[in-house]
């Protein structure tokens, strides 16, 4: 049986800090959810590119924040004939919630003794519930009644 001398797939190096790993997992789930919502909303061709690389490092988390800020600027300032005002409001609302999740996660990683992880969890739940409401139109999602 031949032995492999080199790895066939490069695995991402995960941070050693459990707080960072946990927050990066929350951010990656939110990134995937936001990508689904952006696809569902059918934004115009001028929308900024959304990152498709997994959020496994702090550099990817910083890239996610930059993409979120670009999406907020796009939703606030861009107006063309192909834009739908309701879709732009939903995009702005979700991008702001994602930025709030990013900020709460950053605070928890920097000072876990002062900022509990429950703040990031609450921001993540609010983001997921609002994303579910945007994609399904079911108001029960906003009330915590996952159907």
N, C-alpha and C. Protein backbone atom coordinates (compact mmCIF):
# COMPACT_ATOMS: atom_id res chain seq x y z
N UNK A 1 0.83 -1.15 0.00
CA UNK A 1 0.00 0.00 0.00
C UNK A 1 0.89 1.24 0.00
N UNK A 2 0.64 2.16 -0.95
CA UNK A 2 1.49 3.36 -1.00
C UNK A 2 1.17 4.29 0.16
N UNK A 3 2.17 4.94 0.64
CA UNK A 3 1.98 5.91 1.72
C UNK A 3 1.97 7.31 1.12
N UNK A 4 1.16 8.13 1.68
CA UNK A 4 1.08 9.52 1.23
C UNK A 4 2.18 10.32 1.89
N UNK A 5 2.87 11.08 1.11
CA UNK A 5 3.96 11.89 1.66
C UNK A 5 3.53 13.32 1.91
N UNK A 6 2.50 13.75 1.23
CA UNK A 6 2.03 15.12 1.41
C UNK A 6 0.51 15.09 1.59
N UNK A 7 -0.02 16.03 2.34
CA UNK A 7 -1.47 16.05 2.51
C UNK A 7 -2.16 16.37 1.18
N UNK A 8 -3.30 15.75 0.97
CA UNK A 8 -4.02 15.98 -0.28
C UNK A 8 -4.92 17.20 -0.19
N UNK A 9 -5.36 17.54 1.01
CA UNK A 9 -6.21 18.70 1.21
C UNK A 9 -5.65 19.50 2.38
N UNK A 10 -5.49 20.79 2.17
CA UNK A 10 -5.00 21.65 3.25
C UNK A 10 -6.17 22.04 4.15
N UNK A 11 -6.10 21.67 5.40
CA UNK A 11 -7.14 22.02 6.35
C UNK A 11 -6.83 23.38 6.95
N UNK A 12 -7.86 24.19 7.17
CA UNK A 12 -7.59 25.50 7.76
C UNK A 12 -7.13 25.36 9.21
N UNK A 13 -6.20 26.19 9.57
CA UNK A 13 -5.70 26.20 10.95
C UNK A 13 -6.69 26.98 11.81
N UNK A 14 -7.27 26.30 12.77
CA UNK A 14 -8.23 26.95 13.64
C UNK A 14 -7.51 27.63 14.79
N UNK A 15 -8.02 28.76 15.26
CA UNK A 15 -7.39 29.44 16.38
C UNK A 15 -7.43 28.57 17.64
N UNK A 16 -6.44 28.72 18.47
CA UNK A 16 -6.34 27.92 19.68
C UNK A 16 -7.31 28.41 20.76
N UNK A 17 -7.65 29.67 20.74
CA UNK A 17 -8.53 30.25 21.75
C UNK A 17 -9.97 29.76 21.53
N UNK A 18 -10.59 29.16 22.55
CA UNK A 18 -11.96 28.65 22.36
C UNK A 18 -12.98 29.77 22.12
N UNK A 19 -12.75 30.95 22.69
CA UNK A 19 -13.66 32.07 22.47
C UNK A 19 -13.64 32.47 21.00
N UNK A 20 -12.46 32.55 20.42
CA UNK A 20 -12.32 32.92 19.01
C UNK A 20 -12.96 31.87 18.12
N UNK A 21 -12.71 30.60 18.41
CA UNK A 21 -13.29 29.52 17.60
C UNK A 21 -14.81 29.59 17.62
N UNK A 22 -15.37 29.81 18.80
CA UNK A 22 -16.82 29.86 18.93
C UNK A 22 -17.42 31.02 18.14
N UNK A 23 -16.81 32.18 18.26
CA UNK A 23 -17.31 33.36 17.54
C UNK A 23 -17.15 33.18 16.03
N UNK A 24 -16.03 32.60 15.60
CA UNK A 24 -15.84 32.37 14.17
C UNK A 24 -16.88 31.39 13.63
N UNK A 25 -17.28 30.42 14.43
CA UNK A 25 -18.33 29.49 14.02
C UNK A 25 -19.66 30.25 13.84
N UNK A 26 -19.98 31.14 14.78
CA UNK A 26 -21.20 31.95 14.67
C UNK A 26 -21.16 32.83 13.42
N UNK A 27 -20.02 33.46 13.17
CA UNK A 27 -19.89 34.33 12.01
C UNK A 27 -19.98 33.55 10.70
N UNK A 28 -19.43 32.35 10.67
CA UNK A 28 -19.50 31.56 9.45
C UNK A 28 -20.93 31.13 9.16
N UNK A 29 -21.68 30.75 10.19
CA UNK A 29 -23.08 30.40 10.00
C UNK A 29 -23.87 31.61 9.50
N UNK A 30 -23.58 32.79 10.04
CA UNK A 30 -24.26 34.00 9.60
C UNK A 30 -23.87 34.36 8.16
N UNK A 31 -22.61 34.13 7.79
CA UNK A 31 -22.17 34.40 6.41
C UNK A 31 -22.93 33.52 5.42
N UNK A 32 -23.07 32.24 5.75
CA UNK A 32 -23.81 31.33 4.86
C UNK A 32 -25.28 31.73 4.77
N UNK A 33 -25.87 32.10 5.89
CA UNK A 33 -27.27 32.51 5.91
C UNK A 33 -27.48 33.77 5.08
N UNK A 34 -26.57 34.73 5.23
CA UNK A 34 -26.67 35.98 4.46
C UNK A 34 -26.51 35.72 2.97
N UNK A 35 -25.65 34.79 2.60
CA UNK A 35 -25.49 34.44 1.19
C UNK A 35 -26.79 33.88 0.62
N UNK A 36 -27.50 33.06 1.40
CA UNK A 36 -28.78 32.53 0.96
C UNK A 36 -29.81 33.63 0.81
N UNK A 37 -29.82 34.57 1.74
CA UNK A 37 -30.79 35.67 1.68
C UNK A 37 -30.49 36.58 0.49
N UNK A 38 -29.23 36.87 0.24
CA UNK A 38 -28.86 37.71 -0.91
C UNK A 38 -29.29 37.04 -2.20
N UNK A 39 -29.12 35.73 -2.29
CA UNK A 39 -29.57 34.99 -3.47
C UNK A 39 -31.08 35.05 -3.59
N UNK A 40 -31.79 34.92 -2.47
CA UNK A 40 -33.24 34.95 -2.48
C UNK A 40 -33.78 36.32 -2.89
N UNK A 41 -33.14 37.39 -2.46
CA UNK A 41 -33.64 38.75 -2.71
C UNK A 41 -33.43 39.21 -4.15
N UNK A 42 -32.56 38.57 -4.90
CA UNK A 42 -32.28 38.96 -6.30
C UNK A 42 -31.93 40.44 -6.39
N UNK A 43 -30.85 40.83 -5.72
CA UNK A 43 -30.40 42.22 -5.78
C UNK A 43 -29.88 42.52 -7.18
N UNK A 44 -29.78 43.80 -7.51
CA UNK A 44 -29.33 44.19 -8.85
C UNK A 44 -27.86 43.83 -9.05
N UNK A 45 -27.39 43.96 -10.27
CA UNK A 45 -26.02 43.55 -10.60
C UNK A 45 -24.96 44.44 -9.97
N UNK A 46 -25.36 45.55 -9.38
CA UNK A 46 -24.40 46.46 -8.75
C UNK A 46 -24.08 46.08 -7.30
N UNK A 47 -24.72 45.04 -6.80
CA UNK A 47 -24.49 44.63 -5.41
C UNK A 47 -23.05 44.18 -5.22
N UNK A 48 -22.45 44.51 -4.09
CA UNK A 48 -21.06 44.08 -3.85
C UNK A 48 -20.98 42.56 -3.72
N UNK A 49 -19.82 42.04 -4.01
CA UNK A 49 -19.61 40.58 -3.92
C UNK A 49 -19.63 40.15 -2.46
N UNK A 50 -20.29 39.03 -2.21
CA UNK A 50 -20.35 38.49 -0.86
C UNK A 50 -19.29 37.40 -0.73
N UNK A 51 -18.53 37.36 0.37
CA UNK A 51 -17.45 36.37 0.49
C UNK A 51 -18.00 34.94 0.53
N UNK A 52 -17.34 34.06 -0.20
CA UNK A 52 -17.76 32.66 -0.21
C UNK A 52 -16.79 31.77 0.56
N UNK A 53 -15.67 32.33 0.99
CA UNK A 53 -14.70 31.52 1.74
C UNK A 53 -15.17 31.38 3.19
N UNK A 54 -15.01 30.21 3.77
CA UNK A 54 -15.43 30.01 5.16
C UNK A 54 -14.67 30.93 6.12
N UNK A 55 -15.35 31.31 7.18
CA UNK A 55 -14.77 32.19 8.18
C UNK A 55 -14.09 31.35 9.25
N UNK A 56 -12.83 30.95 8.98
CA UNK A 56 -12.08 30.11 9.92
C UNK A 56 -10.92 30.86 10.56
N UNK A 57 -10.73 32.11 10.21
CA UNK A 57 -9.62 32.87 10.76
C UNK A 57 -10.07 34.31 11.02
N UNK A 58 -9.27 35.01 11.78
CA UNK A 58 -9.61 36.40 12.05
C UNK A 58 -9.50 37.25 10.78
N UNK A 59 -8.60 36.88 9.87
CA UNK A 59 -8.49 37.61 8.60
C UNK A 59 -9.78 37.46 7.79
N UNK A 60 -10.36 36.26 7.78
CA UNK A 60 -11.62 36.05 7.07
C UNK A 60 -12.76 36.80 7.77
N UNK A 61 -12.70 36.90 9.10
CA UNK A 61 -13.72 37.65 9.82
C UNK A 61 -13.62 39.14 9.50
N UNK A 62 -12.42 39.64 9.34
CA UNK A 62 -12.25 41.06 8.97
C UNK A 62 -12.75 41.28 7.54
N UNK A 63 -12.51 40.31 6.66
CA UNK A 63 -13.03 40.39 5.30
C UNK A 63 -14.56 40.37 5.30
N UNK A 64 -15.15 39.56 6.17
CA UNK A 64 -16.61 39.51 6.30
C UNK A 64 -17.16 40.85 6.77
N UNK A 65 -16.46 41.47 7.71
CA UNK A 65 -16.91 42.79 8.18
C UNK A 65 -16.84 43.82 7.06
N UNK A 66 -15.76 43.80 6.28
CA UNK A 66 -15.63 44.74 5.17
C UNK A 66 -16.74 44.52 4.14
N UNK A 67 -17.07 43.27 3.87
CA UNK A 67 -18.15 42.97 2.92
C UNK A 67 -19.50 43.42 3.47
N UNK A 68 -19.69 43.28 4.78
CA UNK A 68 -20.93 43.72 5.40
C UNK A 68 -21.08 45.23 5.33
N UNK A 69 -19.99 45.95 5.60
CA UNK A 69 -20.03 47.42 5.50
C UNK A 69 -20.29 47.85 4.07
N UNK A 70 -19.68 47.17 3.09
CA UNK A 70 -19.94 47.49 1.68
C UNK A 70 -21.40 47.24 1.32
N UNK A 71 -21.99 46.18 1.89
CA UNK A 71 -23.40 45.88 1.63
C UNK A 71 -24.30 46.94 2.26
N UNK A 72 -23.93 47.43 3.43
CA UNK A 72 -24.71 48.50 4.08
C UNK A 72 -24.64 49.78 3.23
N UNK A 73 -23.44 50.13 2.77
CA UNK A 73 -23.30 51.32 1.92
C UNK A 73 -24.11 51.17 0.64
N UNK A 74 -24.08 49.98 0.05
CA UNK A 74 -24.84 49.72 -1.18
C UNK A 74 -26.33 49.88 -0.92
N UNK A 75 -26.83 49.30 0.17
CA UNK A 75 -28.26 49.35 0.45
C UNK A 75 -28.73 50.76 0.79
N UNK A 76 -27.86 51.57 1.35
CA UNK A 76 -28.24 52.94 1.70
C UNK A 76 -28.17 53.89 0.52
N UNK A 77 -27.16 53.75 -0.31
CA UNK A 77 -26.87 54.79 -1.31
C UNK A 77 -27.24 54.44 -2.74
N UNK A 78 -27.39 53.15 -3.06
CA UNK A 78 -27.57 52.78 -4.46
C UNK A 78 -29.04 52.84 -4.85
N UNK A 79 -29.30 53.50 -5.96
CA UNK A 79 -30.66 53.59 -6.50
C UNK A 79 -30.56 53.45 -8.01
N UNK A 80 -31.17 52.40 -8.53
CA UNK A 80 -31.26 52.25 -9.98
C UNK A 80 -32.65 51.70 -10.29
N UNK A 81 -32.97 51.57 -11.55
CA UNK A 81 -34.30 51.13 -11.95
C UNK A 81 -34.57 49.68 -11.54
N UNK A 82 -33.53 48.88 -11.42
CA UNK A 82 -33.70 47.47 -11.07
C UNK A 82 -33.84 47.24 -9.57
N UNK A 83 -33.64 48.28 -8.76
CA UNK A 83 -33.68 48.14 -7.31
C UNK A 83 -35.12 48.16 -6.81
N UNK A 84 -35.38 47.34 -5.82
CA UNK A 84 -36.67 47.30 -5.15
C UNK A 84 -36.45 47.85 -3.75
N UNK A 85 -37.22 48.84 -3.37
CA UNK A 85 -37.00 49.51 -2.07
C UNK A 85 -37.17 48.54 -0.90
N UNK A 86 -38.13 47.65 -0.95
CA UNK A 86 -38.34 46.69 0.13
C UNK A 86 -37.17 45.73 0.27
N UNK A 87 -36.61 45.30 -0.85
CA UNK A 87 -35.46 44.40 -0.81
C UNK A 87 -34.23 45.11 -0.27
N UNK A 88 -34.11 46.39 -0.62
CA UNK A 88 -32.97 47.16 -0.11
C UNK A 88 -33.09 47.37 1.40
N UNK A 89 -34.32 47.61 1.89
CA UNK A 89 -34.52 47.76 3.33
C UNK A 89 -34.21 46.46 4.06
N UNK A 90 -34.64 45.33 3.49
CA UNK A 90 -34.36 44.04 4.11
C UNK A 90 -32.85 43.76 4.12
N UNK A 91 -32.18 44.11 3.04
CA UNK A 91 -30.73 43.92 2.97
C UNK A 91 -30.04 44.78 4.01
N UNK A 92 -30.46 46.03 4.13
CA UNK A 92 -29.87 46.94 5.11
C UNK A 92 -30.10 46.44 6.53
N UNK A 93 -31.31 45.99 6.81
CA UNK A 93 -31.64 45.50 8.15
C UNK A 93 -30.77 44.29 8.51
N UNK A 94 -30.67 43.34 7.59
CA UNK A 94 -29.89 42.13 7.87
C UNK A 94 -28.39 42.42 7.98
N UNK A 95 -27.89 43.31 7.12
CA UNK A 95 -26.47 43.65 7.18
C UNK A 95 -26.15 44.36 8.51
N UNK A 96 -27.07 45.20 8.98
CA UNK A 96 -26.85 45.87 10.26
C UNK A 96 -26.86 44.85 11.41
N UNK A 97 -27.75 43.86 11.34
CA UNK A 97 -27.78 42.83 12.37
C UNK A 97 -26.52 41.97 12.33
N UNK A 98 -26.01 41.69 11.14
CA UNK A 98 -24.77 40.93 11.02
C UNK A 98 -23.59 41.72 11.58
N UNK A 99 -23.58 43.02 11.33
CA UNK A 99 -22.53 43.87 11.90
C UNK A 99 -22.62 43.90 13.43
N UNK A 100 -23.83 43.87 13.96
CA UNK A 100 -24.02 43.81 15.41
C UNK A 100 -23.49 42.49 15.97
N UNK A 101 -23.74 41.39 15.26
CA UNK A 101 -23.20 40.10 15.67
C UNK A 101 -21.68 40.13 15.65
N UNK A 102 -21.10 40.70 14.61
CA UNK A 102 -19.65 40.81 14.50
C UNK A 102 -19.07 41.60 15.67
N UNK A 103 -19.72 42.71 15.98
CA UNK A 103 -19.24 43.57 17.07
C UNK A 103 -19.33 42.88 18.43
N UNK A 104 -20.46 42.21 18.69
CA UNK A 104 -20.60 41.48 19.96
C UNK A 104 -19.59 40.34 20.06
N UNK A 105 -19.36 39.67 18.95
CA UNK A 105 -18.36 38.61 18.94
C UNK A 105 -16.96 39.14 19.20
N UNK A 106 -16.64 40.28 18.59
CA UNK A 106 -15.32 40.89 18.80
C UNK A 106 -15.13 41.28 20.27
N UNK A 107 -16.16 41.87 20.86
CA UNK A 107 -16.07 42.25 22.27
C UNK A 107 -15.86 41.02 23.15
N UNK A 108 -16.56 39.93 22.85
CA UNK A 108 -16.42 38.71 23.66
C UNK A 108 -15.01 38.13 23.53
N UNK A 109 -14.45 38.15 22.33
CA UNK A 109 -13.10 37.61 22.14
C UNK A 109 -12.07 38.47 22.85
N UNK A 110 -12.24 39.79 22.78
CA UNK A 110 -11.25 40.68 23.39
C UNK A 110 -11.34 40.70 24.91
N UNK A 111 -12.56 40.68 25.45
CA UNK A 111 -12.73 40.75 26.90
C UNK A 111 -13.84 39.80 27.34
N UNK A 112 -13.55 38.49 27.37
CA UNK A 112 -14.60 37.53 27.74
C UNK A 112 -15.09 37.66 29.18
N UNK A 113 -14.28 38.28 30.03
CA UNK A 113 -14.71 38.46 31.42
C UNK A 113 -15.76 39.56 31.55
N UNK A 114 -15.79 40.50 30.60
CA UNK A 114 -16.73 41.62 30.66
C UNK A 114 -17.94 41.37 29.74
N UNK A 115 -17.69 40.85 28.54
CA UNK A 115 -18.74 40.63 27.55
C UNK A 115 -19.03 39.14 27.41
N UNK A 116 -20.16 38.67 27.92
CA UNK A 116 -20.45 37.24 27.85
C UNK A 116 -20.80 36.82 26.42
N UNK A 117 -20.66 35.53 26.16
CA UNK A 117 -20.95 35.00 24.84
C UNK A 117 -22.45 35.05 24.55
N UNK A 118 -23.26 35.20 25.58
CA UNK A 118 -24.71 35.26 25.36
C UNK A 118 -25.11 36.47 24.53
N UNK A 119 -24.33 37.55 24.57
CA UNK A 119 -24.63 38.70 23.72
C UNK A 119 -24.47 38.34 22.26
N UNK A 120 -23.42 37.61 21.93
CA UNK A 120 -23.22 37.17 20.55
C UNK A 120 -24.28 36.15 20.15
N UNK A 121 -24.67 35.27 21.07
CA UNK A 121 -25.72 34.31 20.77
C UNK A 121 -27.05 35.01 20.50
N UNK A 122 -27.37 36.01 21.31
CA UNK A 122 -28.62 36.76 21.11
C UNK A 122 -28.61 37.48 19.77
N UNK A 123 -27.49 38.09 19.43
CA UNK A 123 -27.39 38.78 18.14
C UNK A 123 -27.51 37.77 17.00
N UNK A 124 -26.92 36.59 17.15
CA UNK A 124 -27.01 35.56 16.13
C UNK A 124 -28.43 35.05 15.96
N UNK A 125 -29.14 34.86 17.07
CA UNK A 125 -30.54 34.41 16.98
C UNK A 125 -31.41 35.46 16.32
N UNK A 126 -31.21 36.72 16.69
CA UNK A 126 -31.99 37.79 16.07
C UNK A 126 -31.71 37.86 14.57
N UNK A 127 -30.46 37.70 14.18
CA UNK A 127 -30.10 37.70 12.77
C UNK A 127 -30.78 36.53 12.04
N UNK A 128 -30.69 35.32 12.60
CA UNK A 128 -31.29 34.14 11.95
C UNK A 128 -32.80 34.26 11.86
N UNK A 129 -33.44 34.75 12.93
CA UNK A 129 -34.90 34.90 12.90
C UNK A 129 -35.33 35.92 11.86
N UNK A 130 -34.60 37.03 11.78
CA UNK A 130 -34.95 38.06 10.80
C UNK A 130 -34.69 37.55 9.39
N UNK A 131 -33.61 36.82 9.17
CA UNK A 131 -33.34 36.24 7.86
C UNK A 131 -34.43 35.24 7.48
N UNK A 132 -34.89 34.46 8.43
CA UNK A 132 -35.99 33.53 8.16
C UNK A 132 -37.27 34.25 7.81
N UNK A 133 -37.52 35.36 8.48
CA UNK A 133 -38.70 36.15 8.17
C UNK A 133 -38.61 36.76 6.78
N UNK A 134 -37.42 37.24 6.41
CA UNK A 134 -37.25 37.84 5.08
C UNK A 134 -37.47 36.80 3.98
N UNK A 135 -36.97 35.60 4.18
CA UNK A 135 -37.06 34.59 3.13
C UNK A 135 -38.42 33.89 3.09
N UNK A 136 -39.08 33.73 4.23
CA UNK A 136 -40.37 33.01 4.23
C UNK A 136 -41.58 33.93 4.35
N UNK A 137 -41.41 35.11 4.92
CA UNK A 137 -42.54 36.00 5.15
C UNK A 137 -43.37 35.59 6.36
N UNK A 138 -42.88 34.64 7.13
CA UNK A 138 -43.61 34.14 8.30
C UNK A 138 -43.28 35.00 9.52
N UNK A 139 -44.27 35.78 10.03
CA UNK A 139 -43.97 36.63 11.19
C UNK A 139 -43.70 35.85 12.46
N UNK A 140 -44.08 34.58 12.50
CA UNK A 140 -43.80 33.77 13.69
C UNK A 140 -42.32 33.62 13.94
N UNK A 141 -41.51 33.75 12.90
CA UNK A 141 -40.06 33.67 13.09
C UNK A 141 -39.55 34.80 13.95
N UNK A 142 -40.15 35.97 13.83
CA UNK A 142 -39.71 37.11 14.63
C UNK A 142 -40.16 36.97 16.08
N UNK A 143 -41.17 36.17 16.31
CA UNK A 143 -41.67 35.97 17.66
C UNK A 143 -41.01 34.76 18.33
N UNK A 144 -40.03 34.16 17.67
CA UNK A 144 -39.36 33.01 18.23
C UNK A 144 -40.10 31.71 18.02
N UNK A 145 -41.12 31.72 17.18
CA UNK A 145 -41.93 30.53 16.91
C UNK A 145 -41.43 29.91 15.60
N UNK A 146 -40.35 29.16 15.68
CA UNK A 146 -39.78 28.54 14.48
C UNK A 146 -40.73 27.48 13.97
N UNK A 147 -41.19 27.69 12.76
CA UNK A 147 -42.14 26.75 12.16
C UNK A 147 -41.44 25.92 11.12
